[in-house]
Amino acid sequence: MIHMGFSGAVAFFLVRVFKVVSPVKMTLEIYATCVIPISAFFASSLWFGNTAYLHISVAFIQMLKALMPVATFIMAVLCGTDKPRCDVFLNMVLVSVGVVVSSYGEIHFNVVGTVYQVTGIFAEALRLVLTQVLLQKKGLTLNPITSLYYIAPCSFVFLFVPWYFLEKPVMAVSQIQFNFWIFFSNALCALALNFSIFLVIGRTGAVTIRVAGVLKDWILIALSTVVFPESTITGLNIIGYAIALCGVVMYNYIKVRDVRASQLPSESIQERITKDWKLEKRSSDLFTPSNSSASV
C-alpha cells in the first residue's frame, strides 16, 4: 500500500507538474473497464504475494515464482489470447515437475504460505493477460510512468480497504517501530525497479529482460540464504529449481522464436521485392545497349 501511494504520487508529479510524459486520453469507460480490473488483480497479487513472506522463506518463494510462465499460459489460453500448443505444454509440465520437486525438498514447507504465493502468481498472470486484452482493444499504449499514474492510485485504494479492516485492528501502536528512511528507501527501490525495467526493454529488448530475470532469481536465492539463515536450501531444492529453470528458459526461447518468425514474412517480402527490382533493373541495363548497338 505504501509502495502504491508513493509510486502514484511520484507519477503524478512527473506527469502533471514536471510534464516528463503526456497522459493518454483516458475516458470514464476505459478507466472503469480497463484500469479498475487491472488494478484489482495487481493489488491482489501484491496482497497474496507479500502475505506469503510471513509463512515461507524468500528462497522458496523465488522457486515458486518459476510457475509464472505456467500461470500466464493457462490464463492466456482461458482468455483466448493464446492457443494450446504441444511444445509449450511440455515446457509447462517440466516447470511444474521442477516446482513440485523443489517443494518436496523444502525443509520448512508451509501449505498456507504456498497457497498464498501460488494465488498471487495466478493473480499476476491474470493481470498481465487482462492488460494485453483490455488495453490493446482500446488501443492504449502505456509506459511505466503513465501506468503508475493511472494504476497505482487505484491499487492503493484496493489495498487500503483490506488493510483497514483486517490489519489495522490488530496493529498495536507500541509494537510498530516506524523508521521513515527504511520505508522511504524501500519505496524508492520499488519505483526505481519499474523505471529500470522500462529503460532495459527500451534500450535492449524483451530477451535481455528475460535473461536478466533468470539471473536475478539465482542472485536472490543465494543472497537470501546469506541474509536470512533460516532460509536453508537443500540439494533437492536446487535440483527441482534447476529443472523448472530449464523449462522457463525453453519457454522464453520458444516465445522469442515465435516473435522472430512472425517478423520474417514481412522482411522476406521486402527483400524479395528489392531483389526483383534489382534483377529487373540489371536486365533492363543489359537489354538497352544491345538494342542500341543493333540499331547502329
Protein backbone atom coordinates (compact mmCIF):
# COMPACT_ATOMS: atom_id res chain seq x y z
CA MET A 1 0.00 0.00 0.00
CA ILE A 2 2.88 2.36 0.82
CA HIS A 3 4.57 1.43 -2.48
CA MET A 4 1.44 2.22 -4.47
CA GLY A 5 0.85 5.51 -2.67
CA PHE A 6 4.46 6.62 -3.17
CA SER A 7 4.59 5.50 -6.82
CA GLY A 8 1.28 7.19 -7.59
CA ALA A 9 2.46 10.47 -6.02
CA VAL A 10 5.77 10.44 -7.93
CA ALA A 11 4.00 9.57 -11.18
CA PHE A 12 1.55 12.45 -10.61
CA PHE A 13 4.40 14.94 -10.25
CA LEU A 14 6.20 13.55 -13.30
CA VAL A 15 3.07 13.73 -15.48
CA ARG A 16 1.24 16.82 -14.23
CA VAL A 17 3.92 19.04 -12.69
CA PHE A 18 7.19 18.31 -14.49
CA LYS A 19 5.42 17.04 -17.65
CA VAL A 20 8.05 14.38 -18.36
CA VAL A 21 5.46 12.40 -20.31
CA SER A 22 2.00 13.27 -21.58
CA PRO A 23 -1.08 11.48 -20.19
CA VAL A 24 -3.10 9.35 -22.57
CA LYS A 25 -6.71 10.07 -23.45
CA MET A 26 -8.48 8.34 -20.56
CA THR A 27 -12.27 8.21 -20.53
CA LEU A 28 -14.50 7.05 -17.71
CA GLU A 29 -15.43 3.94 -19.70
CA ILE A 30 -11.79 2.95 -20.25
CA TYR A 31 -10.97 3.60 -16.60
CA ALA A 32 -13.91 1.50 -15.40
CA THR A 33 -13.42 -1.38 -17.83
CA CYS A 34 -9.61 -1.48 -18.00
CA VAL A 35 -7.82 0.35 -15.19
CA ILE A 36 -10.00 -0.83 -12.30
CA PRO A 37 -9.90 -4.60 -13.15
CA ILE A 38 -6.14 -4.46 -13.82
CA SER A 39 -5.55 -2.56 -10.57
CA ALA A 40 -7.69 -5.03 -8.63
CA PHE A 41 -5.68 -8.04 -9.78
CA PHE A 42 -2.42 -6.12 -9.34
CA ALA A 43 -3.41 -5.35 -5.73
CA SER A 44 -4.40 -9.00 -5.22
CA SER A 45 -1.01 -10.23 -6.47
CA LEU A 46 0.75 -7.82 -4.08
CA TRP A 47 -1.50 -8.75 -1.17
CA PHE A 48 -1.19 -12.53 -1.53
CA GLY A 49 2.46 -12.39 -2.57
CA ASN A 50 3.53 -10.27 0.42
CA THR A 51 1.46 -12.37 2.84
CA ALA A 52 3.40 -15.44 1.73
CA TYR A 53 6.59 -13.94 3.22
CA LEU A 54 5.06 -14.39 6.68
CA HIS A 55 4.90 -18.17 6.22
CA ILE A 56 7.67 -19.35 3.84
CA SER A 57 11.27 -18.38 3.12
CA VAL A 58 12.45 -15.89 0.49
CA ALA A 59 14.39 -18.59 -1.37
CA PHE A 60 11.38 -20.90 -1.61
CA ILE A 61 9.19 -18.02 -2.79
CA GLN A 62 11.61 -17.39 -5.67
CA MET A 63 11.46 -21.07 -6.57
CA LEU A 64 7.67 -20.97 -6.61
CA LYS A 65 7.80 -17.92 -8.90
CA ALA A 66 9.10 -20.23 -11.61
CA LEU A 67 5.40 -21.13 -12.02
CA MET A 68 4.77 -17.70 -13.54
CA PRO A 69 5.01 -18.86 -17.20
CA VAL A 70 2.67 -21.76 -16.39
CA ALA A 71 0.08 -19.44 -14.84
CA THR A 72 0.39 -16.93 -17.68
CA PHE A 73 -0.01 -19.64 -20.34
CA ILE A 74 -3.09 -21.11 -18.61
CA MET A 75 -4.73 -17.69 -18.24
CA ALA A 76 -3.87 -16.74 -21.83
CA VAL A 77 -5.48 -19.93 -23.14
CA LEU A 78 -8.59 -19.41 -20.99
CA CYS A 79 -8.90 -15.78 -22.15
CA GLY A 80 -8.34 -16.73 -25.80
CA THR A 81 -5.12 -14.76 -26.34
CA ASP A 82 -3.02 -17.90 -26.84
CA LYS A 83 -3.63 -21.34 -28.31
CA PRO A 84 -2.81 -24.70 -26.68
CA ARG A 85 0.45 -25.99 -28.15
CA CYS A 86 2.23 -29.26 -27.53
CA ASP A 87 5.74 -27.81 -27.20
CA VAL A 88 4.64 -25.11 -24.76
CA PHE A 89 2.56 -27.63 -22.81
CA LEU A 90 5.60 -29.91 -22.39
CA ASN A 91 7.59 -26.95 -21.07
CA MET A 92 4.82 -26.18 -18.60
CA VAL A 93 4.88 -29.79 -17.41
CA LEU A 94 8.66 -29.59 -16.97
CA VAL A 95 8.37 -26.37 -14.93
CA SER A 96 5.59 -27.85 -12.79
CA VAL A 97 7.58 -31.03 -12.10
CA GLY A 98 10.58 -28.92 -11.09
CA VAL A 99 8.50 -26.83 -8.68
CA VAL A 100 6.96 -29.98 -7.17
CA VAL A 101 10.41 -31.49 -6.63
CA SER A 102 11.64 -28.24 -5.12
CA SER A 103 8.60 -28.09 -2.82
CA TYR A 104 9.16 -31.69 -1.74
CA GLY A 105 12.72 -30.79 -0.78
CA GLU A 106 11.70 -27.73 1.23
CA ILE A 107 12.51 -28.23 4.91
CA HIS A 108 10.12 -25.58 6.25
CA PHE A 109 7.23 -26.34 3.89
CA ASN A 110 4.05 -24.46 4.78
CA VAL A 111 0.77 -25.11 2.98
CA VAL A 112 -0.77 -21.73 3.83
CA GLY A 113 2.24 -19.76 2.58
CA THR A 114 2.44 -21.86 -0.59
CA VAL A 115 -1.25 -21.31 -1.33
CA TYR A 116 -0.85 -17.56 -0.78
CA GLN A 117 2.13 -17.40 -3.16
CA VAL A 118 0.53 -19.52 -5.90
CA THR A 119 -2.67 -17.44 -5.66
CA GLY A 120 -0.60 -14.28 -6.02
CA ILE A 121 1.16 -15.73 -9.06
CA PHE A 122 -2.13 -16.53 -10.81
CA ALA A 123 -3.49 -13.07 -9.93
CA GLU A 124 -0.41 -11.50 -11.51
CA ALA A 125 -0.78 -13.74 -14.59
CA LEU A 126 -4.41 -12.71 -14.97
CA ARG A 127 -3.37 -9.05 -14.64
CA LEU A 128 -0.82 -9.45 -17.45
CA VAL A 129 -3.35 -11.13 -19.74
CA LEU A 130 -6.04 -8.56 -18.93
CA THR A 131 -3.56 -5.76 -19.66
CA GLN A 132 -2.90 -7.26 -23.07
CA VAL A 133 -6.57 -7.90 -23.86
CA LEU A 134 -8.18 -4.75 -22.49
CA LEU A 135 -5.58 -2.14 -23.38
CA GLN A 136 -4.93 -3.49 -26.87
CA LYS A 137 -8.66 -3.48 -27.61
CA LYS A 138 -8.84 0.15 -26.58
CA GLY A 139 -5.65 0.97 -28.49
CA LEU A 140 -3.87 2.36 -25.43
CA THR A 141 -0.10 2.36 -25.06
CA LEU A 142 1.13 2.93 -21.51
CA ASN A 143 4.74 3.30 -20.44
CA PRO A 144 5.68 2.65 -16.78
CA ILE A 145 5.17 6.29 -15.77
CA THR A 146 1.67 6.57 -17.20
CA SER A 147 0.89 3.04 -15.98
CA LEU A 148 1.79 4.06 -12.43
CA TYR A 149 -0.10 7.33 -12.88
CA TYR A 150 -3.37 5.51 -13.57
CA ILE A 151 -2.97 2.13 -11.87
CA ALA A 152 -1.06 2.95 -8.65
CA PRO A 153 -3.75 5.18 -7.03
CA CYS A 154 -6.46 2.64 -7.83
CA SER A 155 -4.33 -0.20 -6.45
CA PHE A 156 -3.72 1.91 -3.35
CA VAL A 157 -7.48 2.02 -2.72
CA PHE A 158 -7.84 -1.74 -3.25
CA LEU A 159 -5.03 -2.38 -0.75
CA PHE A 160 -6.24 0.24 1.75
CA VAL A 161 -9.63 -1.46 2.21
CA PRO A 162 -8.34 -4.88 3.40
CA TRP A 163 -5.58 -3.17 5.42
CA TYR A 164 -8.12 -1.02 7.26
CA PHE A 165 -10.46 -3.89 8.10
CA LEU A 166 -8.03 -6.81 8.52
CA GLU A 167 -4.62 -5.48 9.57
CA LYS A 168 -5.21 -2.14 11.26
CA PRO A 169 -7.42 -3.51 14.11
CA VAL A 170 -4.68 -5.95 15.22
CA MET A 171 -1.83 -3.46 14.91
CA ALA A 172 -0.74 -2.06 18.27
CA VAL A 173 0.96 1.32 18.11
CA SER A 174 3.51 0.25 20.70
CA GLN A 175 4.62 -2.65 18.51
CA ILE A 176 5.25 -0.51 15.42
CA GLN A 177 8.79 0.79 15.03
CA PHE A 178 8.29 3.20 12.14
CA ASN A 179 11.57 4.24 10.56
CA PHE A 180 10.96 6.81 7.82
CA TRP A 181 14.22 6.18 5.97
CA ILE A 182 13.67 2.41 5.80
CA PHE A 183 10.18 2.82 4.34
CA PHE A 184 11.25 5.68 2.04
CA SER A 185 14.28 3.82 0.65
CA ASN A 186 12.16 0.70 0.23
CA ALA A 187 9.50 2.59 -1.74
CA LEU A 188 12.23 4.31 -3.75
CA CYS A 189 13.69 0.92 -4.74
CA ALA A 190 10.25 -0.26 -5.87
CA LEU A 191 9.85 2.86 -8.01
CA ALA A 192 13.37 2.51 -9.44
CA LEU A 193 12.60 -1.10 -10.39
CA ASN A 194 9.66 -0.06 -12.56
CA PHE A 195 11.71 2.61 -14.31
CA SER A 196 14.71 0.31 -14.82
CA ILE A 197 12.51 -2.33 -16.48
CA PHE A 198 11.23 0.34 -18.89
CA LEU A 199 14.76 1.51 -19.71
CA VAL A 200 16.11 -2.03 -20.22
CA ILE A 201 13.28 -3.02 -22.54
CA GLY A 202 13.51 0.29 -24.41
CA ARG A 203 17.28 0.15 -24.96
CA THR A 204 17.79 -3.60 -25.38
CA GLY A 205 14.68 -5.75 -25.72
CA ALA A 206 12.44 -8.33 -24.11
CA VAL A 207 15.05 -11.09 -24.47
CA THR A 208 17.51 -9.23 -22.25
CA ILE A 209 14.90 -8.65 -19.54
CA ARG A 210 14.01 -12.36 -19.57
CA VAL A 211 17.65 -13.41 -19.18
CA ALA A 212 18.19 -10.77 -16.50
CA GLY A 213 15.12 -12.09 -14.68
CA VAL A 214 16.58 -15.60 -14.53
CA LEU A 215 19.89 -14.20 -13.24
CA LYS A 216 18.02 -12.10 -10.67
CA ASP A 217 16.24 -15.18 -9.29
CA TRP A 218 19.53 -17.02 -8.74
CA ILE A 219 21.08 -13.98 -7.03
CA LEU A 220 18.00 -13.57 -4.83
CA ILE A 221 18.06 -17.21 -3.76
CA ALA A 222 21.79 -17.12 -2.99
CA LEU A 223 21.57 -13.76 -1.20
CA SER A 224 18.55 -14.78 0.88
CA THR A 225 20.43 -17.74 2.32
CA VAL A 226 23.16 -15.34 3.49
CA VAL A 227 20.90 -12.61 4.87
CA PHE A 228 18.29 -14.97 6.35
CA PRO A 229 19.94 -18.00 7.99
CA GLU A 230 16.57 -19.73 8.34
CA SER A 231 16.31 -19.94 4.54
CA THR A 232 18.01 -23.32 4.29
CA ILE A 233 18.39 -24.73 0.77
CA THR A 234 18.60 -28.48 0.28
CA GLY A 235 20.03 -30.39 -2.66
CA LEU A 236 16.50 -31.36 -3.71
CA ASN A 237 15.57 -27.66 -3.74
CA ILE A 238 18.38 -26.90 -6.17
CA ILE A 239 17.61 -29.91 -8.40
CA GLY A 240 13.92 -29.03 -8.56
CA TYR A 241 14.57 -25.37 -9.29
CA ALA A 242 17.15 -26.28 -11.95
CA ILE A 243 14.53 -28.47 -13.68
CA ALA A 244 11.97 -25.68 -13.51
CA LEU A 245 14.54 -23.18 -14.77
CA CYS A 246 15.25 -25.35 -17.82
CA GLY A 247 11.55 -25.24 -18.63
CA VAL A 248 11.45 -21.44 -18.17
CA VAL A 249 14.48 -20.95 -20.44
CA MET A 250 12.93 -23.20 -23.12
CA TYR A 251 9.65 -21.31 -22.81
CA ASN A 252 11.45 -17.98 -23.28
CA TYR A 253 13.29 -19.41 -26.30
CA ILE A 254 10.00 -20.53 -27.89
CA LYS A 255 8.43 -17.12 -27.33
CA VAL A 256 11.43 -15.29 -28.82
CA ARG A 257 11.47 -17.69 -31.77
CA ASP A 258 7.76 -17.10 -32.39
CA VAL A 259 8.25 -13.34 -32.36
CA ARG A 260 11.11 -13.58 -34.85
CA ALA A 261 9.13 -15.98 -37.04
CA SER A 262 6.19 -13.57 -37.13
CA GLN A 263 8.53 -10.83 -38.35
CA LEU A 264 10.14 -12.96 -41.09
CA PRO A 265 7.34 -12.91 -43.70
CA SER A 266 7.23 -9.11 -43.95
CA GLU A 267 11.02 -8.92 -44.09
CA SER A 268 11.25 -11.66 -46.70
CA ILE A 269 8.63 -9.95 -48.85
CA GLN A 270 10.54 -6.68 -48.70
CA GLU A 271 13.81 -8.42 -49.53
CA ARG A 272 12.13 -10.26 -52.37
CA ILE A 273 10.75 -7.01 -53.82
CA THR A 274 14.18 -5.40 -53.54
CA LYS A 275 15.86 -8.36 -55.22
CA ASP A 276 13.25 -8.45 -58.01
CA TRP A 277 13.67 -4.72 -58.58
CA LYS A 278 17.47 -5.02 -58.75
CA LEU A 279 17.21 -8.02 -61.09
CA GLU A 280 14.76 -6.19 -63.32
CA LYS A 281 16.94 -3.09 -63.38
CA ARG A 282 20.03 -5.16 -64.20
CA SER A 283 18.24 -6.97 -67.02
CA SER A 284 16.98 -3.67 -68.46
CA ASP A 285 20.50 -2.22 -68.33
CA LEU A 286 21.80 -5.22 -70.20
CA PHE A 287 18.99 -5.12 -72.73
CA THR A 288 19.26 -1.42 -73.67
CA PRO A 289 22.89 -1.37 -75.02
CA SER A 290 22.35 -4.49 -77.14
CA ASN A 291 19.26 -2.92 -78.67
CA SER A 292 21.07 0.35 -79.43
CA SER A 293 24.04 -1.45 -80.96
CA ALA A 294 21.73 -3.39 -83.24
CA SER A 295 20.15 -0.20 -84.46
CA VAL A 296 23.59 1.29 -85.21
